[in-house]
Amino acid sequence: MFLEQRDFLTPPEVARLTALGRELRFVDGRLSNPHNITKSNLQADMTDPRYGESAQIVMDAFTRSRPFQDFAMPTKIAPPLMARYEPGMKYGAHADVAFMKIIQAGGETINLRSDISCTVFLSDPASYTGGELVLHIGTKPVVIKGVPGEAFVYPSTLLHEVRPVTHGQRLVAITFIESLVPDERERNALFELKDVLSLEGLKMDWVSRVRMEVALNNLTRLWSKP
């Protein structure tokens, strides 16, 4: 299961991140994954003083997004990183590494288990050709090319790629999330229950609603691994 959220970022946030995409220093994207020979992109230089602002804008959106919180149940979120693809650049089929070391804002290094990945689209899809995010689900490729401010959240276990950009520039922000519930099936079941409860809860008999909330909370306790 994946989550597609339009208007994840506000238009002013998209505009500011786009401006930062022109101002920030970018470095070779293989610095964060030197062993993947299919990776060809640019990523924001985390030592640039303006990087912190770009990461905080996206992080604030995660904090306020109820759909994201319900879907991901995050305990840790890696500082979002802007990535840029120029003509000829791509990221070949890969699965995200299971554990990564993350440097937090205060400089502390922590371990993060990548349960969920997220791409936040910033460029107008009409401004570039190619560059689609492709998720390989079984034998069926799911092709995504989001509008500015749209977030696409998906399991880190999926094989995925970014197709070559043939014209224009693709600008996105990416990050990785450790969930309170690492098992995807359990996390999806909880999300479905929460979604039904939010849509139908007020129509339910009060006792039935409370019983469903009790079951949801008990399953969350059972499956959580803080």
N, C-alpha and C. Protein backbone atom coordinates (compact mmCIF):
# COMPACT_ATOMS: atom_id res chain seq x y z
N MET A 1 0.84 -1.19 0.00
CA MET A 1 0.00 0.00 0.00
C MET A 1 0.88 1.24 0.00
N PHE A 2 0.43 2.28 -0.70
CA PHE A 2 1.15 3.54 -0.66
C PHE A 2 0.17 4.69 -0.49
N LEU A 3 0.68 5.83 -0.10
CA LEU A 3 -0.14 7.02 0.16
C LEU A 3 0.26 8.11 -0.81
N GLU A 4 -0.72 8.67 -1.48
CA GLU A 4 -0.51 9.78 -2.39
C GLU A 4 -1.24 10.99 -1.82
N GLN A 5 -0.51 12.04 -1.46
CA GLN A 5 -1.13 13.20 -0.83
C GLN A 5 -0.84 14.47 -1.61
N ARG A 6 -1.85 14.96 -2.29
CA ARG A 6 -1.73 16.25 -2.97
C ARG A 6 -1.79 17.35 -1.92
N ASP A 7 -1.25 18.51 -2.25
CA ASP A 7 -1.25 19.65 -1.33
C ASP A 7 -0.56 19.31 -0.01
N PHE A 8 0.40 18.40 -0.06
CA PHE A 8 1.21 18.12 1.13
C PHE A 8 1.97 19.37 1.53
N LEU A 9 2.51 20.08 0.53
CA LEU A 9 3.14 21.38 0.75
C LEU A 9 2.21 22.48 0.26
N THR A 10 2.28 23.63 0.88
CA THR A 10 1.51 24.78 0.43
C THR A 10 2.23 25.44 -0.75
N PRO A 11 1.50 26.20 -1.59
CA PRO A 11 2.17 26.90 -2.69
C PRO A 11 3.35 27.78 -2.25
N PRO A 12 3.25 28.54 -1.14
CA PRO A 12 4.43 29.30 -0.70
C PRO A 12 5.61 28.41 -0.33
N GLU A 13 5.34 27.24 0.25
CA GLU A 13 6.43 26.32 0.59
C GLU A 13 7.09 25.77 -0.67
N VAL A 14 6.27 25.44 -1.67
CA VAL A 14 6.83 24.96 -2.94
C VAL A 14 7.69 26.04 -3.57
N ALA A 15 7.18 27.29 -3.55
CA ALA A 15 7.94 28.40 -4.14
C ALA A 15 9.27 28.60 -3.43
N ARG A 16 9.26 28.51 -2.10
CA ARG A 16 10.50 28.71 -1.35
C ARG A 16 11.48 27.58 -1.61
N LEU A 17 11.01 26.35 -1.64
CA LEU A 17 11.90 25.23 -1.91
C LEU A 17 12.45 25.29 -3.33
N THR A 18 11.63 25.73 -4.27
CA THR A 18 12.12 25.88 -5.64
C THR A 18 13.21 26.93 -5.71
N ALA A 19 13.03 28.03 -4.97
CA ALA A 19 14.06 29.07 -4.91
C ALA A 19 15.34 28.53 -4.27
N LEU A 20 15.18 27.77 -3.18
CA LEU A 20 16.34 27.17 -2.53
C LEU A 20 17.03 26.18 -3.46
N GLY A 21 16.25 25.53 -4.33
CA GLY A 21 16.84 24.62 -5.30
C GLY A 21 17.77 25.32 -6.27
N ARG A 22 17.55 26.63 -6.46
CA ARG A 22 18.45 27.42 -7.32
C ARG A 22 19.63 27.97 -6.54
N GLU A 23 19.46 28.15 -5.22
CA GLU A 23 20.48 28.81 -4.40
C GLU A 23 21.45 27.83 -3.74
N LEU A 24 20.95 26.68 -3.36
CA LEU A 24 21.77 25.70 -2.64
C LEU A 24 22.90 25.14 -3.50
N ARG A 25 23.99 24.76 -2.86
CA ARG A 25 25.01 23.98 -3.55
C ARG A 25 24.53 22.55 -3.67
N PHE A 26 24.78 21.94 -4.81
CA PHE A 26 24.46 20.53 -5.01
C PHE A 26 25.75 19.77 -5.28
N VAL A 27 25.77 18.51 -4.82
CA VAL A 27 26.94 17.65 -4.97
C VAL A 27 26.50 16.35 -5.65
N ASP A 28 27.49 15.55 -6.01
CA ASP A 28 27.21 14.26 -6.65
C ASP A 28 26.36 13.38 -5.73
N GLY A 29 25.23 12.91 -6.24
CA GLY A 29 24.33 12.09 -5.43
C GLY A 29 24.93 10.77 -4.98
N ARG A 30 25.99 10.32 -5.65
CA ARG A 30 26.59 9.04 -5.27
C ARG A 30 27.39 9.14 -3.97
N LEU A 31 27.54 10.34 -3.43
CA LEU A 31 28.21 10.48 -2.14
C LEU A 31 27.45 9.75 -1.05
N SER A 32 26.10 9.68 -1.19
CA SER A 32 25.30 8.99 -0.18
C SER A 32 25.07 7.53 -0.51
N ASN A 33 25.45 7.10 -1.71
CA ASN A 33 25.32 5.70 -2.09
C ASN A 33 26.38 5.37 -3.14
N PRO A 34 27.64 5.35 -2.73
CA PRO A 34 28.74 5.24 -3.70
C PRO A 34 28.81 3.91 -4.43
N HIS A 35 28.16 2.88 -3.90
CA HIS A 35 28.27 1.56 -4.50
C HIS A 35 27.22 1.30 -5.58
N ASN A 36 26.26 2.21 -5.73
CA ASN A 36 25.22 1.99 -6.74
C ASN A 36 25.64 2.66 -8.04
N ILE A 37 26.05 1.86 -9.00
CA ILE A 37 26.57 2.41 -10.26
C ILE A 37 25.46 2.94 -11.15
N THR A 38 24.20 2.67 -10.80
CA THR A 38 23.09 3.16 -11.63
C THR A 38 22.57 4.52 -11.15
N LYS A 39 23.14 5.04 -10.07
CA LYS A 39 22.67 6.32 -9.52
C LYS A 39 23.41 7.47 -10.19
N SER A 40 22.65 8.37 -10.78
CA SER A 40 23.23 9.55 -11.41
C SER A 40 22.29 10.73 -11.15
N ASN A 41 22.58 11.48 -10.11
CA ASN A 41 21.79 12.67 -9.79
C ASN A 41 22.62 13.62 -8.93
N LEU A 42 22.02 14.70 -8.54
CA LEU A 42 22.65 15.67 -7.66
C LEU A 42 21.82 15.79 -6.39
N GLN A 43 22.48 16.03 -5.27
CA GLN A 43 21.75 16.21 -4.02
C GLN A 43 22.28 17.43 -3.29
N ALA A 44 21.40 18.04 -2.50
CA ALA A 44 21.79 19.24 -1.78
C ALA A 44 22.97 18.96 -0.87
N ASP A 45 23.89 19.90 -0.83
CA ASP A 45 25.06 19.79 0.05
C ASP A 45 24.59 20.08 1.48
N MET A 46 24.66 19.07 2.34
CA MET A 46 24.16 19.22 3.70
C MET A 46 24.99 20.17 4.54
N THR A 47 26.17 20.56 4.05
CA THR A 47 26.98 21.54 4.78
C THR A 47 26.63 22.98 4.38
N ASP A 48 25.80 23.13 3.36
CA ASP A 48 25.36 24.47 2.96
C ASP A 48 24.46 25.04 4.04
N PRO A 49 24.70 26.28 4.50
CA PRO A 49 23.87 26.85 5.58
C PRO A 49 22.39 26.90 5.25
N ARG A 50 22.04 26.91 3.97
CA ARG A 50 20.63 26.99 3.59
C ARG A 50 19.94 25.63 3.58
N TYR A 51 20.72 24.56 3.71
CA TYR A 51 20.13 23.22 3.68
C TYR A 51 19.13 23.04 4.82
N GLY A 52 19.45 23.53 6.00
CA GLY A 52 18.58 23.36 7.16
C GLY A 52 17.18 23.90 6.92
N GLU A 53 17.09 25.04 6.25
CA GLU A 53 15.77 25.62 5.97
C GLU A 53 14.97 24.70 5.05
N SER A 54 15.62 24.17 4.02
CA SER A 54 14.90 23.29 3.09
C SER A 54 14.39 22.05 3.80
N ALA A 55 15.21 21.47 4.66
CA ALA A 55 14.78 20.27 5.39
C ALA A 55 13.64 20.58 6.35
N GLN A 56 13.70 21.73 7.00
CA GLN A 56 12.68 22.07 8.00
C GLN A 56 11.32 22.32 7.37
N ILE A 57 11.30 22.91 6.18
CA ILE A 57 10.03 23.15 5.50
C ILE A 57 9.30 21.83 5.27
N VAL A 58 10.02 20.83 4.79
CA VAL A 58 9.38 19.53 4.51
C VAL A 58 9.05 18.82 5.82
N MET A 59 9.92 18.91 6.80
CA MET A 59 9.66 18.27 8.08
C MET A 59 8.41 18.84 8.74
N ASP A 60 8.21 20.15 8.64
CA ASP A 60 7.01 20.76 9.21
C ASP A 60 5.75 20.21 8.54
N ALA A 61 5.83 19.95 7.24
CA ALA A 61 4.68 19.39 6.53
C ALA A 61 4.36 17.99 7.03
N PHE A 62 5.39 17.18 7.30
CA PHE A 62 5.16 15.85 7.86
C PHE A 62 4.47 15.95 9.21
N THR A 63 4.89 16.89 10.02
CA THR A 63 4.34 17.03 11.37
C THR A 63 2.86 17.37 11.34
N ARG A 64 2.44 18.22 10.42
CA ARG A 64 1.04 18.67 10.40
C ARG A 64 0.12 17.77 9.58
N SER A 65 0.67 16.84 8.80
CA SER A 65 -0.13 16.02 7.90
C SER A 65 -0.75 14.84 8.65
N ARG A 66 -2.05 14.90 8.87
CA ARG A 66 -2.74 13.79 9.53
C ARG A 66 -2.73 12.52 8.68
N PRO A 67 -2.97 12.61 7.35
CA PRO A 67 -2.89 11.38 6.55
C PRO A 67 -1.53 10.70 6.65
N PHE A 68 -0.45 11.48 6.61
CA PHE A 68 0.88 10.89 6.72
C PHE A 68 1.07 10.25 8.08
N GLN A 69 0.69 10.95 9.14
CA GLN A 69 0.87 10.41 10.49
C GLN A 69 0.11 9.11 10.67
N ASP A 70 -1.14 9.05 10.15
CA ASP A 70 -1.94 7.83 10.27
C ASP A 70 -1.36 6.69 9.44
N PHE A 71 -0.84 7.01 8.27
CA PHE A 71 -0.32 5.98 7.37
C PHE A 71 1.03 5.45 7.84
N ALA A 72 1.95 6.36 8.17
CA ALA A 72 3.34 5.98 8.47
C ALA A 72 3.58 5.65 9.93
N MET A 73 2.81 6.26 10.84
CA MET A 73 3.04 6.10 12.28
C MET A 73 4.53 6.29 12.60
N PRO A 74 5.09 7.47 12.26
CA PRO A 74 6.54 7.64 12.33
C PRO A 74 7.09 7.76 13.75
N THR A 75 8.26 7.18 13.96
CA THR A 75 9.01 7.42 15.19
C THR A 75 10.27 8.23 14.90
N LYS A 76 10.84 8.03 13.69
CA LYS A 76 12.01 8.80 13.26
C LYS A 76 11.83 9.14 11.78
N ILE A 77 12.22 10.36 11.43
CA ILE A 77 12.20 10.79 10.04
C ILE A 77 13.57 11.37 9.72
N ALA A 78 14.19 10.85 8.68
CA ALA A 78 15.48 11.40 8.27
C ALA A 78 15.29 12.82 7.75
N PRO A 79 16.23 13.73 8.02
CA PRO A 79 16.10 15.08 7.49
C PRO A 79 15.92 15.05 5.97
N PRO A 80 14.83 15.61 5.45
CA PRO A 80 14.58 15.56 4.00
C PRO A 80 15.72 16.21 3.21
N LEU A 81 16.00 15.60 2.06
CA LEU A 81 17.12 16.02 1.23
C LEU A 81 16.63 16.31 -0.18
N MET A 82 16.94 17.50 -0.69
CA MET A 82 16.55 17.84 -2.05
C MET A 82 17.47 17.14 -3.04
N ALA A 83 16.86 16.61 -4.12
CA ALA A 83 17.62 15.93 -5.18
C ALA A 83 17.23 16.53 -6.52
N ARG A 84 18.21 16.66 -7.39
CA ARG A 84 17.98 17.27 -8.70
C ARG A 84 18.47 16.34 -9.81
N TYR A 85 17.68 16.25 -10.85
CA TYR A 85 18.02 15.42 -12.01
C TYR A 85 18.06 16.30 -13.25
N GLU A 86 19.20 16.33 -13.90
CA GLU A 86 19.37 17.05 -15.16
C GLU A 86 19.24 16.04 -16.31
N PRO A 87 19.15 16.51 -17.56
CA PRO A 87 19.05 15.59 -18.69
C PRO A 87 20.15 14.52 -18.66
N GLY A 88 19.72 13.27 -18.83
CA GLY A 88 20.64 12.14 -18.81
C GLY A 88 20.78 11.49 -17.44
N MET A 89 20.30 12.15 -16.39
CA MET A 89 20.42 11.59 -15.04
C MET A 89 19.25 10.66 -14.74
N LYS A 90 19.51 9.69 -13.84
CA LYS A 90 18.52 8.68 -13.49
C LYS A 90 18.95 8.04 -12.17
N TYR A 91 18.09 7.15 -11.69
CA TYR A 91 18.44 6.30 -10.55
C TYR A 91 17.87 4.93 -10.85
N GLY A 92 18.75 3.99 -11.20
CA GLY A 92 18.32 2.67 -11.62
C GLY A 92 17.58 1.92 -10.53
N ALA A 93 16.98 0.81 -10.92
CA ALA A 93 16.16 0.01 -10.00
C ALA A 93 16.97 -0.39 -8.77
N HIS A 94 16.39 -0.18 -7.61
CA HIS A 94 17.07 -0.47 -6.35
C HIS A 94 16.04 -0.58 -5.23
N ALA A 95 16.46 -1.13 -4.11
CA ALA A 95 15.68 -1.11 -2.88
C ALA A 95 16.49 -0.34 -1.85
N ASP A 96 15.81 0.43 -1.04
CA ASP A 96 16.52 1.26 -0.06
C ASP A 96 17.15 0.40 1.03
N VAL A 97 18.30 0.83 1.51
CA VAL A 97 19.04 0.09 2.52
C VAL A 97 18.19 -0.03 3.79
N ALA A 98 18.32 -1.14 4.50
CA ALA A 98 17.47 -1.41 5.66
C ALA A 98 17.75 -0.47 6.83
N PHE A 99 19.03 -0.20 7.09
CA PHE A 99 19.41 0.68 8.20
C PHE A 99 20.36 1.75 7.68
N MET A 100 20.20 2.95 8.20
CA MET A 100 21.09 4.04 7.80
C MET A 100 21.40 4.91 9.01
N LYS A 101 22.56 5.54 8.95
CA LYS A 101 22.96 6.48 10.01
C LYS A 101 22.52 7.88 9.59
N ILE A 102 21.82 8.55 10.50
CA ILE A 102 21.24 9.86 10.22
C ILE A 102 21.84 10.89 11.17
N ILE A 103 22.26 12.00 10.62
CA ILE A 103 22.76 13.10 11.45
C ILE A 103 21.60 14.05 11.73
N GLN A 104 21.24 14.18 12.98
CA GLN A 104 20.13 15.06 13.36
C GLN A 104 20.59 16.51 13.40
N ALA A 105 19.60 17.42 13.61
CA ALA A 105 19.89 18.85 13.56
C ALA A 105 20.98 19.25 14.56
N GLY A 106 21.00 18.64 15.73
CA GLY A 106 21.98 18.99 16.74
C GLY A 106 23.35 18.35 16.53
N GLY A 107 23.48 17.56 15.47
CA GLY A 107 24.75 16.91 15.19
C GLY A 107 24.84 15.49 15.68
N GLU A 108 23.83 15.02 16.45
CA GLU A 108 23.85 13.65 16.95
C GLU A 108 23.56 12.67 15.82
N THR A 109 24.30 11.56 15.80
CA THR A 109 24.10 10.51 14.80
C THR A 109 23.26 9.40 15.40
N ILE A 110 22.18 9.02 14.70
CA ILE A 110 21.30 7.96 15.17
C ILE A 110 21.14 6.92 14.06
N ASN A 111 20.74 5.71 14.45
CA ASN A 111 20.40 4.68 13.48
C ASN A 111 18.92 4.76 13.16
N LEU A 112 18.59 4.62 11.88
CA LEU A 112 17.19 4.65 11.45
C LEU A 112 16.93 3.42 10.59
N ARG A 113 15.85 2.70 10.90
CA ARG A 113 15.42 1.57 10.08
C ARG A 113 14.46 2.11 9.02
N SER A 114 14.78 1.90 7.77
CA SER A 114 13.96 2.47 6.71
C SER A 114 12.77 1.56 6.41
N ASP A 115 11.65 1.85 7.04
CA ASP A 115 10.41 1.12 6.79
C ASP A 115 9.65 1.73 5.61
N ILE A 116 9.74 3.05 5.49
CA ILE A 116 8.93 3.79 4.52
C ILE A 116 9.81 4.84 3.85
N SER A 117 9.61 5.02 2.55
CA SER A 117 10.31 6.05 1.79
C SER A 117 9.29 7.09 1.31
N CYS A 118 9.77 8.28 1.05
CA CYS A 118 8.86 9.35 0.60
C CYS A 118 9.57 10.23 -0.42
N THR A 119 8.85 10.53 -1.50
CA THR A 119 9.29 11.51 -2.49
C THR A 119 8.29 12.65 -2.51
N VAL A 120 8.78 13.87 -2.35
CA VAL A 120 7.94 15.07 -2.44
C VAL A 120 8.31 15.79 -3.73
N PHE A 121 7.35 15.93 -4.63
CA PHE A 121 7.62 16.51 -5.93
C PHE A 121 7.57 18.04 -5.85
N LEU A 122 8.51 18.68 -6.55
CA LEU A 122 8.61 20.14 -6.54
C LEU A 122 8.49 20.75 -7.93
N SER A 123 8.96 20.07 -8.96
CA SER A 123 8.93 20.60 -10.32
C SER A 123 7.56 20.37 -10.96
N ASP A 124 7.15 21.30 -11.81
CA ASP A 124 5.96 21.11 -12.63
C ASP A 124 6.22 19.92 -13.56
N PRO A 125 5.36 18.90 -13.58
CA PRO A 125 5.64 17.73 -14.43
C PRO A 125 5.70 18.06 -15.92
N ALA A 126 5.09 19.18 -16.30
CA ALA A 126 5.15 19.58 -17.72
C ALA A 126 6.48 20.22 -18.08
N SER A 127 7.31 20.53 -17.06
CA SER A 127 8.56 21.23 -17.32
C SER A 127 9.73 20.28 -17.61
N TYR A 128 9.49 18.98 -17.47
CA TYR A 128 10.58 18.03 -17.77
C TYR A 128 9.98 16.76 -18.38
N THR A 129 10.80 16.08 -19.14
CA THR A 129 10.40 14.83 -19.80
C THR A 129 11.17 13.69 -19.18
N GLY A 130 10.49 12.55 -18.97
CA GLY A 130 11.11 11.44 -18.27
C GLY A 130 11.08 11.71 -16.77
N GLY A 131 11.99 11.05 -16.04
CA GLY A 131 12.10 11.31 -14.61
C GLY A 131 10.98 10.74 -13.77
N GLU A 132 10.20 9.81 -14.30
CA GLU A 132 9.10 9.23 -13.51
C GLU A 132 9.65 8.34 -12.40
N LEU A 133 9.03 8.40 -11.24
CA LEU A 133 9.28 7.44 -10.18
C LEU A 133 8.49 6.18 -10.52
N VAL A 134 9.16 5.05 -10.54
CA VAL A 134 8.51 3.79 -10.90
C VAL A 134 8.66 2.81 -9.74
N LEU A 135 7.52 2.33 -9.22
CA LEU A 135 7.51 1.29 -8.20
C LEU A 135 7.20 -0.04 -8.88
N HIS A 136 8.02 -1.04 -8.61
CA HIS A 136 7.80 -2.36 -9.19
C HIS A 136 7.08 -3.23 -8.17
N ILE A 137 5.78 -3.42 -8.41
CA ILE A 137 4.95 -4.21 -7.50
C ILE A 137 4.61 -5.51 -8.22
N GLY A 138 5.30 -6.58 -7.87
CA GLY A 138 5.17 -7.81 -8.61
C GLY A 138 5.69 -7.60 -10.03
N THR A 139 4.86 -7.93 -11.00
CA THR A 139 5.25 -7.73 -12.40
C THR A 139 4.69 -6.44 -12.97
N LYS A 140 4.02 -5.64 -12.14
CA LYS A 140 3.36 -4.43 -12.64
C LYS A 140 4.12 -3.18 -12.19
N PRO A 141 4.63 -2.38 -13.11
CA PRO A 141 5.25 -1.11 -12.72
C PRO A 141 4.19 -0.04 -12.48
N VAL A 142 4.31 0.66 -11.36
CA VAL A 142 3.43 1.79 -11.05
C VAL A 142 4.23 3.06 -11.31
N VAL A 143 3.77 3.88 -12.25
CA VAL A 143 4.51 5.05 -12.71
C VAL A 143 3.91 6.30 -12.08
N ILE A 144 4.76 7.10 -11.43
CA ILE A 144 4.29 8.29 -10.71
C ILE A 144 5.07 9.51 -11.19
N LYS A 145 4.33 10.57 -11.48
CA LYS A 145 4.96 11.85 -11.81
C LYS A 145 4.08 12.92 -11.17
N GLY A 146 4.41 13.30 -9.95
CA GLY A 146 3.54 14.14 -9.15
C GLY A 146 3.60 15.61 -9.51
N VAL A 147 2.58 16.32 -9.04
CA VAL A 147 2.50 17.77 -9.22
C VAL A 147 3.26 18.45 -8.09
N PRO A 148 3.63 19.73 -8.23
CA PRO A 148 4.37 20.41 -7.17
C PRO A 148 3.62 20.39 -5.83
N GLY A 149 4.33 19.98 -4.80
CA GLY A 149 3.75 19.92 -3.46
C GLY A 149 3.12 18.60 -3.11
N GLU A 150 3.15 17.64 -4.03
CA GLU A 150 2.55 16.33 -3.79
C GLU A 150 3.57 15.37 -3.19
N ALA A 151 3.13 14.62 -2.19
CA ALA A 151 3.99 13.62 -1.55
C ALA A 151 3.53 12.22 -1.92
N PHE A 152 4.49 11.35 -2.19
CA PHE A 152 4.19 9.95 -2.47
C PHE A 152 4.97 9.12 -1.47
N VAL A 153 4.24 8.35 -0.65
CA VAL A 153 4.82 7.60 0.47
C VAL A 153 4.63 6.11 0.20
N TYR A 154 5.70 5.33 0.28
CA TYR A 154 5.63 3.94 -0.13
C TYR A 154 6.61 3.09 0.68
N PRO A 155 6.39 1.78 0.75
CA PRO A 155 7.29 0.93 1.54
C PRO A 155 8.71 0.94 0.98
N SER A 156 9.68 1.03 1.86
CA SER A 156 11.08 1.02 1.43
C SER A 156 11.51 -0.33 0.88
N THR A 157 10.70 -1.35 1.11
CA THR A 157 11.02 -2.70 0.64
C THR A 157 10.79 -2.88 -0.85
N LEU A 158 10.07 -1.95 -1.48
CA LEU A 158 9.75 -2.09 -2.90
C LEU A 158 10.95 -1.77 -3.78
N LEU A 159 11.12 -2.56 -4.83
CA LEU A 159 12.08 -2.21 -5.87
C LEU A 159 11.53 -1.00 -6.62
N HIS A 160 12.35 0.04 -6.77
CA HIS A 160 11.87 1.25 -7.44
C HIS A 160 13.02 1.93 -8.17
N GLU A 161 12.68 2.87 -9.03
CA GLU A 161 13.69 3.57 -9.83
C GLU A 161 13.16 4.94 -10.25
N VAL A 162 14.08 5.76 -10.73
CA VAL A 162 13.74 7.03 -11.39
C VAL A 162 14.21 6.92 -12.83
N ARG A 163 13.26 7.02 -13.75
CA ARG A 163 13.62 6.90 -15.17
C ARG A 163 14.47 8.08 -15.61
N PRO A 164 15.28 7.91 -16.66
CA PRO A 164 16.14 9.00 -17.11
C PRO A 164 15.35 10.25 -17.49
N VAL A 165 15.87 11.40 -17.07
CA VAL A 165 15.32 12.69 -17.51
C VAL A 165 15.91 12.97 -18.90
N THR A 166 15.05 13.29 -19.86
CA THR A 166 15.52 13.56 -21.22
C THR A 166 15.45 15.03 -21.57
N HIS A 167 14.70 15.81 -20.80
CA HIS A 167 14.59 17.24 -21.06
C HIS A 167 14.14 17.95 -19.78
N GLY A 168 14.69 19.12 -19.52
CA GLY A 168 14.28 19.89 -18.35
C GLY A 168 14.99 19.44 -17.08
N GLN A 169 14.39 19.77 -15.95
CA GLN A 169 15.01 19.50 -14.65
C GLN A 169 13.96 18.97 -13.68
N ARG A 170 14.28 17.89 -13.01
CA ARG A 170 13.40 17.28 -12.01
C ARG A 170 13.94 17.61 -10.63
N LEU A 171 13.14 18.28 -9.81
CA LEU A 171 13.54 18.64 -8.45
C LEU A 171 12.55 18.00 -7.48
N VAL A 172 13.08 17.26 -6.51
CA VAL A 172 12.26 16.58 -5.51
C VAL A 172 12.94 16.70 -4.15
N ALA A 173 12.21 16.35 -3.11
CA ALA A 173 12.80 16.15 -1.78
C ALA A 173 12.50 14.71 -1.38
N ILE A 174 13.47 14.04 -0.81
CA ILE A 174 13.29 12.64 -0.43
C ILE A 174 13.62 12.47 1.05
N THR A 175 13.03 11.42 1.64
CA THR A 175 13.39 11.08 3.01
C THR A 175 12.98 9.65 3.30
N PHE A 176 13.34 9.18 4.50
CA PHE A 176 13.07 7.81 4.93
C PHE A 176 12.51 7.86 6.34
N ILE A 177 11.61 6.93 6.62
CA ILE A 177 10.86 6.97 7.88
C ILE A 177 10.97 5.63 8.59
N GLU A 178 11.23 5.67 9.89
CA GLU A 178 11.11 4.48 10.73
C GLU A 178 9.74 4.53 11.40
N SER A 179 8.99 3.45 11.26
CA SER A 179 7.62 3.43 11.77
C SER A 179 7.54 2.75 13.12
N LEU A 180 6.55 3.17 13.90
CA LEU A 180 6.26 2.52 15.17
C LEU A 180 5.86 1.06 14.94
N VAL A 181 5.26 0.79 13.77
CA VAL A 181 4.83 -0.56 13.40
C VAL A 181 5.62 -0.97 12.15
N PRO A 182 6.71 -1.72 12.30
CA PRO A 182 7.57 -2.01 11.15
C PRO A 182 6.97 -2.97 10.14
N ASP A 183 6.06 -3.85 10.56
CA ASP A 183 5.48 -4.81 9.63
C ASP A 183 4.46 -4.11 8.73
N GLU A 184 4.68 -4.19 7.43
CA GLU A 184 3.83 -3.46 6.48
C GLU A 184 2.37 -3.91 6.54
N ARG A 185 2.13 -5.21 6.66
CA ARG A 185 0.75 -5.71 6.69
C ARG A 185 0.02 -5.21 7.93
N GLU A 186 0.69 -5.23 9.06
CA GLU A 186 0.07 -4.74 10.29
C GLU A 186 -0.18 -3.24 10.22
N ARG A 187 0.80 -2.52 9.68
CA ARG A 187 0.65 -1.06 9.55
C ARG A 187 -0.51 -0.71 8.62
N ASN A 188 -0.64 -1.46 7.52
CA ASN A 188 -1.73 -1.21 6.58
C ASN A 188 -3.09 -1.50 7.22
N ALA A 189 -3.16 -2.57 8.01
CA ALA A 189 -4.42 -2.90 8.67
C ALA A 189 -4.84 -1.80 9.64
N LEU A 190 -3.88 -1.27 10.39
CA LEU A 190 -4.19 -0.18 11.31
C LEU A 190 -4.65 1.06 10.55
N PHE A 191 -3.99 1.35 9.44
CA PHE A 191 -4.39 2.52 8.64
C PHE A 191 -5.82 2.36 8.13
N GLU A 192 -6.18 1.17 7.65
CA GLU A 192 -7.54 0.94 7.16
C GLU A 192 -8.56 1.13 8.28
N LEU A 193 -8.26 0.59 9.46
CA LEU A 193 -9.18 0.75 10.59
C LEU A 193 -9.34 2.21 10.98
N LYS A 194 -8.23 2.95 11.01
CA LYS A 194 -8.31 4.38 11.34
C LYS A 194 -9.09 5.15 10.29
N ASP A 195 -8.90 4.76 9.02
CA ASP A 195 -9.59 5.46 7.94
C ASP A 195 -11.10 5.22 8.03
N VAL A 196 -11.49 3.97 8.27
CA VAL A 196 -12.92 3.66 8.41
C VAL A 196 -13.50 4.39 9.61
N LEU A 197 -12.77 4.40 10.70
CA LEU A 197 -13.25 5.06 11.91
C LEU A 197 -13.45 6.55 11.70
N SER A 198 -12.53 7.17 10.95
CA SER A 198 -12.66 8.61 10.70
C SER A 198 -13.81 8.91 9.75
N LEU A 199 -14.08 8.01 8.80
CA LEU A 199 -15.15 8.23 7.83
C LEU A 199 -16.53 7.86 8.37
N GLU A 200 -16.61 6.81 9.18
CA GLU A 200 -17.90 6.28 9.60
C GLU A 200 -18.16 6.41 11.09
N GLY A 201 -17.16 6.84 11.85
CA GLY A 201 -17.27 6.81 13.30
C GLY A 201 -18.48 7.54 13.86
N LEU A 202 -18.78 8.73 13.32
CA LEU A 202 -19.89 9.52 13.86
C LEU A 202 -21.25 8.92 13.52
N LYS A 203 -21.28 8.01 12.53
CA LYS A 203 -22.54 7.34 12.16
C LYS A 203 -22.79 6.12 13.02
N MET A 204 -21.74 5.67 13.73
CA MET A 204 -21.86 4.44 14.52
C MET A 204 -22.60 4.69 15.83
N ASP A 205 -23.20 3.64 16.32
CA ASP A 205 -23.64 3.65 17.71
C ASP A 205 -22.42 3.92 18.59
N TRP A 206 -22.59 4.74 19.63
CA TRP A 206 -21.45 5.16 20.44
C TRP A 206 -20.70 3.97 21.04
N VAL A 207 -21.43 2.97 21.52
CA VAL A 207 -20.78 1.80 22.13
C VAL A 207 -19.95 1.06 21.08
N SER A 208 -20.47 0.94 19.85
CA SER A 208 -19.73 0.27 18.79
C SER A 208 -18.48 1.05 18.43
N ARG A 209 -18.60 2.37 18.41
CA ARG A 209 -17.43 3.21 18.11
C ARG A 209 -16.34 3.02 19.15
N VAL A 210 -16.72 3.02 20.42
CA VAL A 210 -15.75 2.85 21.50
C VAL A 210 -15.09 1.48 21.42
N ARG A 211 -15.88 0.45 21.12
CA ARG A 211 -15.32 -0.90 21.01
C ARG A 211 -14.30 -0.97 19.87
N MET A 212 -14.59 -0.29 18.75
CA MET A 212 -13.65 -0.29 17.64
C MET A 212 -12.38 0.45 18.01
N GLU A 213 -12.51 1.55 18.75
CA GLU A 213 -11.32 2.29 19.19
C GLU A 213 -10.48 1.45 20.14
N VAL A 214 -11.12 0.69 21.01
CA VAL A 214 -10.40 -0.19 21.92
C VAL A 214 -9.61 -1.23 21.13
N ALA A 215 -10.27 -1.85 20.13
CA ALA A 215 -9.58 -2.86 19.31
C ALA A 215 -8.40 -2.24 18.56
N LEU A 216 -8.60 -1.04 18.02
CA LEU A 216 -7.53 -0.35 17.29
C LEU A 216 -6.35 -0.05 18.20
N ASN A 217 -6.64 0.47 19.38
CA ASN A 217 -5.56 0.80 20.32
C ASN A 217 -4.83 -0.44 20.81
N ASN A 218 -5.57 -1.53 21.03
CA ASN A 218 -4.92 -2.75 21.51
C ASN A 218 -4.05 -3.38 20.42
N LEU A 219 -4.50 -3.33 19.17
CA LEU A 219 -3.67 -3.83 18.08
C LEU A 219 -2.41 -2.98 17.92
N THR A 220 -2.56 -1.67 18.10
CA THR A 220 -1.40 -0.78 18.01
C THR A 220 -0.39 -1.13 19.09
N ARG A 221 -0.88 -1.39 20.31
CA ARG A 221 0.02 -1.79 21.39
C ARG A 221 0.71 -3.11 21.06
N LEU A 222 -0.03 -4.05 20.51
CA LEU A 222 0.50 -5.37 20.23
C LEU A 222 1.58 -5.34 19.16
N TRP A 223 1.38 -4.51 18.13
CA TRP A 223 2.27 -4.54 16.96
C TRP A 223 3.38 -3.49 17.02
N SER A 224 3.30 -2.59 17.97
CA SER A 224 4.31 -1.51 18.01
C SER A 224 5.64 -2.03 18.53
N LYS A 225 6.70 -1.48 17.94
CA LYS A 225 8.07 -1.78 18.39
C LYS A 225 8.81 -0.47 18.52
N PRO A 226 8.59 0.27 19.61
CA PRO A 226 9.23 1.59 19.77
C PRO A 226 10.73 1.48 19.95
